[in-house]
Every structure is written in structure tokens, then in C-alpha cells.
């Protein structure tokens, strides 16, 4: 936590309270977070692996595996050996995963995702884009998402008429 508080200029106690709050909210949703194990790393290779998993129809499963690795297990989502292991767990060929990650096959796709996020004005996560038009920033209550989805559905109904 020292790194995070120094980087953001926040007191250590405040950061610890924030992390505890997130941990408590996650626990209520059935998630187990261990921020004390989080290895702060660049996640570009992890995002490349997500694109490979998408090509295999396993993007959602890979996202969940990477989140568990990062937030619960203290995994390093930038290390090719670890990423290949997680790909194997989901039935993706290890040699294919290693080749994709070492060659940077999906690096341009990740950069396109980053450019799209910048175009939307996204500066942090989580951030949810709905129907390419609406954004919901941060961990919001279910009501906020329900309202956004209702608005999108209403607009689509209006277009169909």
C-alpha cells in the first residue's frame, strides 16, 4: 500500500480504508480479494491473452481467471509463463499462447482498445460502456446500471417505431 499512497499522495490509512471497503464489497458479491498480495504490474500482456482467449470463445473465462490471479492469488499478469499456464487451464494450447504472447500478435488490438478508451475519455477502471454511447464510471450500485440500460432500451424502442 505504501507505493499506492505515495503515488496518489494519499495517507496510508486512507488507502488502507479504501482497500478494506473494496474487499468488503467484493466479499458481499462472493469475491475474495487479497490486496496485500497484489503485484502491481503492467497488464498489456494479460490484455493480449484476453484477445487470444476471445479468438477461442473464452474471453469471459480468461477475464475471470486473470482477475482471480491478480486480486486473489498475487499472480503477475505480465509474465508469459504464468499467462501461458492460465491459458492452458482454460484449454488453450500452450504453444499457441506462448507464440501469441512472445510475438505480440495481439499487441495492436490492445493498443486499439487503449485508443478507444481514450476517445471515450476513460481514465480509470472499472468503466463500463453501454451501447457505445453511455459510460458508467467506477463501481456503481445496480440501480445506476439499471437506469442506463433502461435508457438505452427506451432509445432502441424509439428507433424501432
N, C-alpha and C. Protein backbone atom coordinates (compact mmCIF):
# COMPACT_ATOMS: atom_id res chain seq x y z
N UNK A 1 0.80 -1.19 0.00
CA UNK A 1 0.00 0.00 0.00
C UNK A 1 0.86 1.26 0.00
N UNK A 2 2.08 1.14 0.49
CA UNK A 2 2.95 2.31 0.54
C UNK A 2 3.12 2.92 -0.85
N UNK A 3 3.31 2.06 -1.87
CA UNK A 3 3.51 2.55 -3.23
C UNK A 3 2.29 3.33 -3.70
N UNK A 4 1.10 2.77 -3.48
CA UNK A 4 -0.12 3.41 -3.94
C UNK A 4 -0.31 4.75 -3.24
N UNK A 5 -0.11 4.80 -1.95
CA UNK A 5 -0.35 6.06 -1.24
C UNK A 5 0.68 7.11 -1.65
N UNK A 6 1.92 6.70 -1.85
CA UNK A 6 2.93 7.67 -2.26
C UNK A 6 2.64 8.18 -3.66
N UNK A 7 2.20 7.31 -4.53
CA UNK A 7 1.93 7.70 -5.91
C UNK A 7 0.74 8.65 -6.00
N UNK A 8 -0.29 8.38 -5.25
CA UNK A 8 -1.50 9.18 -5.30
C UNK A 8 -1.48 10.33 -4.31
N UNK A 9 -0.48 10.38 -3.43
CA UNK A 9 -0.40 11.45 -2.44
C UNK A 9 -1.47 11.31 -1.36
N UNK A 10 -1.90 10.11 -1.09
CA UNK A 10 -2.92 9.87 -0.08
C UNK A 10 -2.27 9.28 1.16
N UNK A 11 -2.80 9.59 2.33
CA UNK A 11 -2.28 8.97 3.55
C UNK A 11 -2.48 7.46 3.51
N UNK A 12 -1.53 6.73 4.06
CA UNK A 12 -1.59 5.27 4.08
C UNK A 12 -2.89 4.78 4.69
N UNK A 13 -3.32 5.41 5.79
CA UNK A 13 -4.54 4.98 6.46
C UNK A 13 -5.76 5.10 5.54
N UNK A 14 -5.80 6.16 4.75
CA UNK A 14 -6.93 6.36 3.84
C UNK A 14 -6.93 5.28 2.75
N UNK A 15 -5.77 4.97 2.23
CA UNK A 15 -5.67 3.93 1.20
C UNK A 15 -6.09 2.58 1.79
N UNK A 16 -5.63 2.30 3.00
CA UNK A 16 -5.99 1.03 3.64
C UNK A 16 -7.49 0.94 3.86
N UNK A 17 -8.12 2.04 4.26
CA UNK A 17 -9.58 2.05 4.43
C UNK A 17 -10.28 1.81 3.10
N UNK A 18 -9.79 2.44 2.04
CA UNK A 18 -10.39 2.25 0.72
C UNK A 18 -10.28 0.79 0.29
N UNK A 19 -9.11 0.21 0.47
CA UNK A 19 -8.90 -1.18 0.07
C UNK A 19 -9.77 -2.13 0.89
N UNK A 20 -9.92 -1.82 2.17
CA UNK A 20 -10.78 -2.65 3.01
C UNK A 20 -12.23 -2.56 2.56
N UNK A 21 -12.65 -1.36 2.20
CA UNK A 21 -14.02 -1.17 1.70
C UNK A 21 -14.24 -2.00 0.44
N UNK A 22 -13.31 -1.91 -0.49
CA UNK A 22 -13.43 -2.69 -1.73
C UNK A 22 -13.44 -4.18 -1.42
N UNK A 23 -12.59 -4.62 -0.51
CA UNK A 23 -12.55 -6.03 -0.11
C UNK A 23 -13.88 -6.46 0.49
N UNK A 24 -14.47 -5.62 1.31
CA UNK A 24 -15.76 -5.94 1.93
C UNK A 24 -16.87 -6.01 0.89
N UNK A 25 -16.89 -5.05 -0.02
CA UNK A 25 -17.91 -5.06 -1.09
C UNK A 25 -17.74 -6.30 -1.96
N UNK A 26 -16.50 -6.63 -2.29
CA UNK A 26 -16.24 -7.82 -3.09
C UNK A 26 -16.72 -9.08 -2.38
N UNK A 27 -16.47 -9.15 -1.09
CA UNK A 27 -16.89 -10.33 -0.31
C UNK A 27 -18.40 -10.50 -0.35
N UNK A 28 -19.14 -9.40 -0.29
CA UNK A 28 -20.60 -9.47 -0.36
C UNK A 28 -21.06 -10.01 -1.71
N UNK A 29 -20.23 -9.81 -2.74
CA UNK A 29 -20.57 -10.31 -4.08
C UNK A 29 -19.99 -11.71 -4.31
N UNK A 30 -19.40 -12.29 -3.27
CA UNK A 30 -18.85 -13.64 -3.40
C UNK A 30 -17.43 -13.68 -3.95
N UNK A 31 -16.76 -12.53 -3.94
CA UNK A 31 -15.39 -12.46 -4.45
C UNK A 31 -14.41 -12.36 -3.29
N UNK A 32 -13.24 -12.91 -3.50
CA UNK A 32 -12.21 -12.90 -2.45
C UNK A 32 -11.01 -12.09 -2.96
N UNK A 33 -10.81 -10.91 -2.38
CA UNK A 33 -9.70 -10.05 -2.77
C UNK A 33 -8.65 -10.07 -1.67
N UNK A 34 -7.39 -10.09 -2.10
CA UNK A 34 -6.26 -10.01 -1.17
C UNK A 34 -5.30 -8.95 -1.69
N UNK A 35 -5.61 -7.69 -1.41
CA UNK A 35 -4.78 -6.61 -1.93
C UNK A 35 -3.35 -6.67 -1.41
N UNK A 36 -3.16 -7.32 -0.27
CA UNK A 36 -1.80 -7.41 0.27
C UNK A 36 -0.91 -8.27 -0.62
N UNK A 37 -1.51 -9.09 -1.51
CA UNK A 37 -0.74 -9.95 -2.40
C UNK A 37 -0.62 -9.38 -3.82
N UNK A 38 -1.35 -8.31 -4.10
CA UNK A 38 -1.36 -7.77 -5.46
C UNK A 38 0.05 -7.35 -5.87
N UNK A 39 0.46 -7.84 -7.02
CA UNK A 39 1.75 -7.47 -7.60
C UNK A 39 1.48 -6.43 -8.69
N UNK A 40 1.72 -5.18 -8.37
CA UNK A 40 1.43 -4.10 -9.31
C UNK A 40 2.34 -4.23 -10.52
N UNK A 41 1.74 -4.55 -11.65
CA UNK A 41 2.49 -4.76 -12.89
C UNK A 41 1.72 -4.18 -14.06
N UNK A 42 2.41 -3.98 -15.14
CA UNK A 42 1.73 -3.61 -16.38
C UNK A 42 0.92 -4.81 -16.84
N UNK A 43 -0.24 -4.55 -17.39
CA UNK A 43 -1.15 -5.64 -17.75
C UNK A 43 -1.30 -5.83 -19.26
N UNK A 44 -0.42 -5.24 -20.05
CA UNK A 44 -0.56 -5.33 -21.51
C UNK A 44 -0.56 -6.77 -22.00
N UNK A 45 0.35 -7.59 -21.50
CA UNK A 45 0.40 -9.00 -21.94
C UNK A 45 -0.87 -9.74 -21.52
N UNK A 46 -1.39 -9.42 -20.34
CA UNK A 46 -2.65 -10.02 -19.91
C UNK A 46 -3.78 -9.65 -20.86
N UNK A 47 -3.79 -8.41 -21.33
CA UNK A 47 -4.81 -7.99 -22.28
C UNK A 47 -4.62 -8.67 -23.64
N UNK A 48 -3.37 -8.90 -24.01
CA UNK A 48 -3.12 -9.66 -25.24
C UNK A 48 -3.70 -11.07 -25.11
N UNK A 49 -3.50 -11.67 -23.95
CA UNK A 49 -4.04 -13.01 -23.72
C UNK A 49 -5.56 -13.01 -23.79
N UNK A 50 -6.18 -11.93 -23.33
CA UNK A 50 -7.64 -11.83 -23.44
C UNK A 50 -8.09 -11.86 -24.90
N UNK A 51 -7.33 -11.23 -25.77
CA UNK A 51 -7.68 -11.25 -27.20
C UNK A 51 -7.53 -12.66 -27.78
N UNK A 52 -6.48 -13.36 -27.37
CA UNK A 52 -6.33 -14.75 -27.82
C UNK A 52 -7.50 -15.58 -27.31
N UNK A 53 -7.84 -15.42 -26.05
CA UNK A 53 -8.96 -16.17 -25.47
C UNK A 53 -10.25 -15.85 -26.21
N UNK A 54 -10.43 -14.60 -26.60
CA UNK A 54 -11.63 -14.22 -27.37
C UNK A 54 -11.69 -14.99 -28.67
N UNK A 55 -10.55 -15.16 -29.32
CA UNK A 55 -10.50 -15.92 -30.57
C UNK A 55 -10.92 -17.38 -30.36
N UNK A 56 -10.81 -17.84 -29.12
CA UNK A 56 -11.19 -19.22 -28.78
C UNK A 56 -12.56 -19.28 -28.08
N UNK A 57 -13.25 -18.15 -28.04
CA UNK A 57 -14.55 -18.10 -27.38
C UNK A 57 -14.48 -18.21 -25.87
N UNK A 58 -13.34 -17.82 -25.29
CA UNK A 58 -13.14 -17.97 -23.85
C UNK A 58 -12.70 -16.68 -23.17
N UNK A 59 -13.09 -15.55 -23.75
CA UNK A 59 -12.66 -14.27 -23.20
C UNK A 59 -13.20 -14.03 -21.79
N UNK A 60 -14.47 -14.32 -21.56
CA UNK A 60 -15.03 -14.09 -20.23
C UNK A 60 -14.36 -14.97 -19.18
N UNK A 61 -14.13 -16.23 -19.53
CA UNK A 61 -13.47 -17.14 -18.59
C UNK A 61 -12.04 -16.66 -18.29
N UNK A 62 -11.36 -16.18 -19.33
CA UNK A 62 -9.98 -15.69 -19.13
C UNK A 62 -9.98 -14.43 -18.29
N UNK A 63 -10.94 -13.54 -18.52
CA UNK A 63 -11.02 -12.33 -17.69
C UNK A 63 -11.17 -12.71 -16.22
N UNK A 64 -12.06 -13.65 -15.95
CA UNK A 64 -12.26 -14.08 -14.57
C UNK A 64 -10.99 -14.71 -14.00
N UNK A 65 -10.29 -15.50 -14.82
CA UNK A 65 -9.06 -16.15 -14.35
C UNK A 65 -7.98 -15.11 -14.05
N UNK A 66 -7.86 -14.11 -14.92
CA UNK A 66 -6.86 -13.06 -14.71
C UNK A 66 -7.20 -12.22 -13.48
N UNK A 67 -8.47 -11.94 -13.28
CA UNK A 67 -8.88 -11.17 -12.10
C UNK A 67 -8.55 -11.94 -10.82
N UNK A 68 -8.84 -13.23 -10.82
CA UNK A 68 -8.52 -14.07 -9.66
C UNK A 68 -7.00 -14.09 -9.44
N UNK A 69 -6.28 -14.28 -10.52
CA UNK A 69 -4.82 -14.32 -10.41
C UNK A 69 -4.29 -13.02 -9.80
N UNK A 70 -4.80 -11.91 -10.27
CA UNK A 70 -4.30 -10.61 -9.84
C UNK A 70 -4.76 -10.24 -8.43
N UNK A 71 -6.06 -10.30 -8.19
CA UNK A 71 -6.62 -9.80 -6.94
C UNK A 71 -6.60 -10.80 -5.79
N UNK A 72 -6.54 -12.08 -6.10
CA UNK A 72 -6.61 -13.08 -5.04
C UNK A 72 -5.29 -13.81 -4.84
N UNK A 73 -4.68 -14.21 -5.95
CA UNK A 73 -3.51 -15.08 -5.87
C UNK A 73 -2.17 -14.35 -5.88
N UNK A 74 -2.17 -13.05 -6.19
CA UNK A 74 -0.90 -12.33 -6.29
C UNK A 74 -0.12 -12.68 -7.54
N UNK A 75 -0.84 -13.17 -8.56
CA UNK A 75 -0.19 -13.54 -9.82
C UNK A 75 0.29 -12.31 -10.58
N UNK A 76 1.24 -12.53 -11.42
CA UNK A 76 1.80 -11.44 -12.22
C UNK A 76 1.29 -11.58 -13.65
N UNK A 77 0.38 -10.68 -14.00
CA UNK A 77 -0.30 -10.79 -15.29
C UNK A 77 0.52 -10.19 -16.43
N UNK A 78 1.82 -10.06 -16.22
CA UNK A 78 2.71 -9.62 -17.28
C UNK A 78 3.78 -10.67 -17.59
N UNK A 79 3.77 -11.78 -16.89
CA UNK A 79 4.78 -12.82 -17.09
C UNK A 79 4.23 -13.91 -18.01
N UNK A 80 4.91 -14.09 -19.09
CA UNK A 80 4.43 -15.01 -20.12
C UNK A 80 4.23 -16.42 -19.57
N UNK A 81 5.15 -16.93 -18.76
CA UNK A 81 4.99 -18.29 -18.24
C UNK A 81 3.70 -18.44 -17.44
N UNK A 82 3.40 -17.46 -16.60
CA UNK A 82 2.16 -17.52 -15.81
C UNK A 82 0.94 -17.42 -16.72
N UNK A 83 1.00 -16.51 -17.68
CA UNK A 83 -0.13 -16.34 -18.61
C UNK A 83 -0.38 -17.61 -19.42
N UNK A 84 0.68 -18.23 -19.88
CA UNK A 84 0.53 -19.49 -20.63
C UNK A 84 -0.13 -20.56 -19.76
N UNK A 85 0.26 -20.63 -18.50
CA UNK A 85 -0.34 -21.59 -17.59
C UNK A 85 -1.84 -21.37 -17.44
N UNK A 86 -2.25 -20.11 -17.32
CA UNK A 86 -3.68 -19.81 -17.18
C UNK A 86 -4.42 -20.12 -18.47
N UNK A 87 -3.76 -19.89 -19.61
CA UNK A 87 -4.39 -20.24 -20.89
C UNK A 87 -4.62 -21.75 -20.95
N UNK A 88 -3.62 -22.52 -20.54
CA UNK A 88 -3.74 -23.98 -20.52
C UNK A 88 -4.90 -24.44 -19.64
N UNK A 89 -5.06 -23.78 -18.49
CA UNK A 89 -6.15 -24.13 -17.58
C UNK A 89 -7.51 -24.05 -18.28
N UNK A 90 -7.61 -23.15 -19.25
CA UNK A 90 -8.87 -22.96 -19.97
C UNK A 90 -8.93 -23.74 -21.28
N UNK A 91 -7.93 -24.60 -21.49
CA UNK A 91 -7.95 -25.45 -22.69
C UNK A 91 -7.37 -24.81 -23.93
N UNK A 92 -6.65 -23.71 -23.77
CA UNK A 92 -5.98 -23.08 -24.90
C UNK A 92 -4.58 -23.67 -25.00
N UNK A 93 -4.19 -24.04 -26.20
CA UNK A 93 -2.90 -24.68 -26.42
C UNK A 93 -1.76 -23.79 -25.92
N UNK A 94 -0.89 -24.37 -25.11
CA UNK A 94 0.21 -23.62 -24.50
C UNK A 94 1.16 -23.05 -25.55
N UNK A 95 1.48 -23.84 -26.56
CA UNK A 95 2.41 -23.35 -27.59
C UNK A 95 1.80 -22.18 -28.36
N UNK A 96 0.51 -22.27 -28.64
CA UNK A 96 -0.15 -21.17 -29.33
C UNK A 96 -0.17 -19.91 -28.46
N UNK A 97 -0.47 -20.08 -27.18
CA UNK A 97 -0.49 -18.94 -26.26
C UNK A 97 0.89 -18.30 -26.15
N UNK A 98 1.91 -19.13 -25.99
CA UNK A 98 3.28 -18.60 -25.88
C UNK A 98 3.66 -17.85 -27.15
N UNK A 99 3.37 -18.44 -28.31
CA UNK A 99 3.70 -17.79 -29.57
C UNK A 99 2.98 -16.45 -29.71
N UNK A 100 1.69 -16.42 -29.37
CA UNK A 100 0.92 -15.18 -29.48
C UNK A 100 1.50 -14.11 -28.57
N UNK A 101 1.87 -14.48 -27.35
CA UNK A 101 2.38 -13.50 -26.39
C UNK A 101 3.79 -13.05 -26.74
N UNK A 102 4.65 -13.99 -27.13
CA UNK A 102 6.03 -13.61 -27.45
C UNK A 102 6.11 -12.81 -28.74
N UNK A 103 5.24 -13.10 -29.70
CA UNK A 103 5.27 -12.38 -30.98
C UNK A 103 4.53 -11.05 -30.92
N UNK A 104 3.70 -10.87 -29.89
CA UNK A 104 2.91 -9.65 -29.82
C UNK A 104 1.78 -9.64 -30.83
N UNK A 105 1.29 -10.83 -31.19
CA UNK A 105 0.24 -10.97 -32.21
C UNK A 105 -0.96 -10.06 -31.94
N UNK A 106 -1.32 -9.87 -30.69
CA UNK A 106 -2.50 -9.08 -30.35
C UNK A 106 -2.16 -7.70 -29.78
N UNK A 107 -0.90 -7.31 -29.86
CA UNK A 107 -0.49 -6.02 -29.30
C UNK A 107 -1.22 -4.85 -29.96
N UNK A 108 -1.40 -4.91 -31.28
CA UNK A 108 -2.11 -3.83 -31.96
C UNK A 108 -3.57 -3.75 -31.51
N UNK A 109 -4.18 -4.90 -31.25
CA UNK A 109 -5.56 -4.92 -30.76
C UNK A 109 -5.66 -4.26 -29.39
N UNK A 110 -4.68 -4.53 -28.54
CA UNK A 110 -4.67 -3.92 -27.21
C UNK A 110 -4.48 -2.41 -27.34
N UNK A 111 -3.59 -1.98 -28.22
CA UNK A 111 -3.39 -0.55 -28.42
C UNK A 111 -4.65 0.11 -28.97
N UNK A 112 -5.38 -0.59 -29.83
CA UNK A 112 -6.66 -0.07 -30.34
C UNK A 112 -7.67 0.07 -29.21
N UNK A 113 -7.68 -0.89 -28.28
CA UNK A 113 -8.56 -0.80 -27.11
C UNK A 113 -8.21 0.43 -26.28
N UNK A 114 -6.92 0.67 -26.09
CA UNK A 114 -6.46 1.82 -25.31
C UNK A 114 -6.87 3.12 -26.00
N UNK A 115 -6.71 3.17 -27.32
CA UNK A 115 -7.10 4.36 -28.08
C UNK A 115 -8.60 4.60 -27.97
N UNK A 116 -9.39 3.53 -28.02
CA UNK A 116 -10.84 3.67 -27.89
C UNK A 116 -11.20 4.19 -26.50
N UNK A 117 -10.54 3.67 -25.49
CA UNK A 117 -10.79 4.13 -24.12
C UNK A 117 -10.47 5.62 -24.00
N UNK A 118 -9.38 6.04 -24.57
CA UNK A 118 -9.02 7.46 -24.53
C UNK A 118 -10.06 8.30 -25.26
N UNK A 119 -10.54 7.79 -26.41
CA UNK A 119 -11.56 8.52 -27.17
C UNK A 119 -12.84 8.68 -26.36
N UNK A 120 -13.16 7.69 -25.53
CA UNK A 120 -14.32 7.78 -24.65
C UNK A 120 -14.05 8.66 -23.43
N UNK A 121 -12.80 9.02 -23.21
CA UNK A 121 -12.44 9.82 -22.04
C UNK A 121 -12.23 8.99 -20.78
N UNK A 122 -12.05 7.70 -20.94
CA UNK A 122 -11.86 6.81 -19.80
C UNK A 122 -10.48 7.05 -19.21
N UNK A 123 -10.44 7.25 -17.90
CA UNK A 123 -9.17 7.48 -17.22
C UNK A 123 -8.91 6.49 -16.10
N UNK A 124 -9.87 5.62 -15.83
CA UNK A 124 -9.69 4.65 -14.76
C UNK A 124 -10.64 3.49 -14.92
N UNK A 125 -10.44 2.50 -14.09
CA UNK A 125 -11.29 1.32 -14.11
C UNK A 125 -11.88 1.12 -12.73
N UNK A 126 -13.01 0.50 -12.62
CA UNK A 126 -13.78 -0.01 -13.75
C UNK A 126 -14.52 1.11 -14.48
N UNK A 127 -14.79 0.88 -15.73
CA UNK A 127 -15.56 1.79 -16.57
C UNK A 127 -16.34 0.93 -17.54
N UNK A 128 -17.62 1.19 -17.65
CA UNK A 128 -18.49 0.38 -18.48
C UNK A 128 -19.07 1.24 -19.59
N UNK A 129 -18.95 0.77 -20.82
CA UNK A 129 -19.52 1.47 -21.97
C UNK A 129 -20.74 0.67 -22.40
N UNK A 130 -21.87 1.36 -22.50
CA UNK A 130 -23.13 0.72 -22.86
C UNK A 130 -23.58 1.24 -24.21
N UNK A 131 -23.73 0.32 -25.14
CA UNK A 131 -24.23 0.63 -26.48
C UNK A 131 -23.35 1.64 -27.21
N UNK A 132 -22.09 1.70 -26.83
CA UNK A 132 -21.17 2.61 -27.50
C UNK A 132 -21.45 4.09 -27.26
N UNK A 133 -22.43 4.41 -26.40
CA UNK A 133 -22.82 5.81 -26.19
C UNK A 133 -22.75 6.28 -24.76
N UNK A 134 -22.99 5.39 -23.82
CA UNK A 134 -23.09 5.78 -22.42
C UNK A 134 -21.99 5.12 -21.61
N UNK A 135 -21.48 5.86 -20.66
CA UNK A 135 -20.43 5.33 -19.80
C UNK A 135 -20.85 5.40 -18.34
N UNK A 136 -20.47 4.38 -17.62
CA UNK A 136 -20.67 4.34 -16.18
C UNK A 136 -19.29 4.14 -15.57
N UNK A 137 -18.85 5.12 -14.79
CA UNK A 137 -17.52 5.09 -14.22
C UNK A 137 -17.56 4.60 -12.79
N UNK A 138 -16.62 3.74 -12.47
CA UNK A 138 -16.47 3.28 -11.10
C UNK A 138 -17.42 2.16 -10.74
N UNK A 139 -17.26 1.67 -9.55
CA UNK A 139 -18.14 0.62 -9.03
C UNK A 139 -19.41 1.29 -8.55
N UNK A 140 -20.47 1.16 -9.32
CA UNK A 140 -21.73 1.84 -9.03
C UNK A 140 -22.78 0.84 -8.52
N UNK A 141 -23.77 1.35 -7.83
CA UNK A 141 -24.87 0.48 -7.41
C UNK A 141 -25.63 -0.07 -8.63
N UNK A 142 -26.27 -1.18 -8.43
CA UNK A 142 -27.02 -1.83 -9.51
C UNK A 142 -28.04 -0.89 -10.13
N UNK A 143 -28.61 0.02 -9.33
CA UNK A 143 -29.62 0.94 -9.82
C UNK A 143 -29.08 1.84 -10.95
N UNK A 144 -27.82 2.22 -10.85
CA UNK A 144 -27.21 3.07 -11.87
C UNK A 144 -27.16 2.32 -13.20
N UNK A 145 -26.77 1.06 -13.15
CA UNK A 145 -26.72 0.26 -14.37
C UNK A 145 -28.12 0.02 -14.91
N UNK A 146 -29.06 -0.24 -14.03
CA UNK A 146 -30.44 -0.46 -14.46
C UNK A 146 -30.98 0.77 -15.17
N UNK A 147 -30.69 1.94 -14.63
CA UNK A 147 -31.15 3.18 -15.24
C UNK A 147 -30.52 3.36 -16.63
N UNK A 148 -29.23 3.12 -16.75
CA UNK A 148 -28.55 3.26 -18.04
C UNK A 148 -29.11 2.27 -19.05
N UNK A 149 -29.32 1.04 -18.64
CA UNK A 149 -29.85 0.02 -19.55
C UNK A 149 -31.28 0.34 -19.95
N UNK A 150 -32.07 0.86 -19.03
CA UNK A 150 -33.45 1.26 -19.34
C UNK A 150 -33.45 2.38 -20.36
N UNK A 151 -32.54 3.33 -20.19
CA UNK A 151 -32.45 4.45 -21.13
C UNK A 151 -32.07 3.95 -22.51
N UNK A 152 -31.09 3.06 -22.59
CA UNK A 152 -30.68 2.52 -23.89
C UNK A 152 -31.82 1.74 -24.53
N UNK A 153 -32.51 0.92 -23.74
CA UNK A 153 -33.63 0.13 -24.26
C UNK A 153 -34.73 1.06 -24.78
N UNK A 154 -35.01 2.14 -24.05
CA UNK A 154 -36.02 3.09 -24.49
C UNK A 154 -35.65 3.75 -25.80
N UNK A 155 -34.39 4.08 -25.95
CA UNK A 155 -33.93 4.69 -27.21
C UNK A 155 -34.04 3.71 -28.36
N UNK A 156 -33.70 2.46 -28.10
CA UNK A 156 -33.79 1.44 -29.17
C UNK A 156 -35.24 1.21 -29.56
N UNK A 157 -36.14 1.21 -28.56
CA UNK A 157 -37.57 1.06 -28.87
C UNK A 157 -38.05 2.20 -29.72
N UNK A 158 -37.56 3.41 -29.42
CA UNK A 158 -37.93 4.59 -30.20
C UNK A 158 -37.44 4.52 -31.64
N UNK A 159 -36.26 3.92 -31.83
CA UNK A 159 -35.72 3.74 -33.19
C UNK A 159 -36.51 2.72 -33.98
N UNK A 160 -37.01 1.70 -33.29
CA UNK A 160 -37.72 0.61 -33.96
C UNK A 160 -39.11 1.06 -34.41
N UNK A 161 -39.65 2.11 -33.78
CA UNK A 161 -41.03 2.53 -34.09
C UNK A 161 -41.14 3.25 -35.40
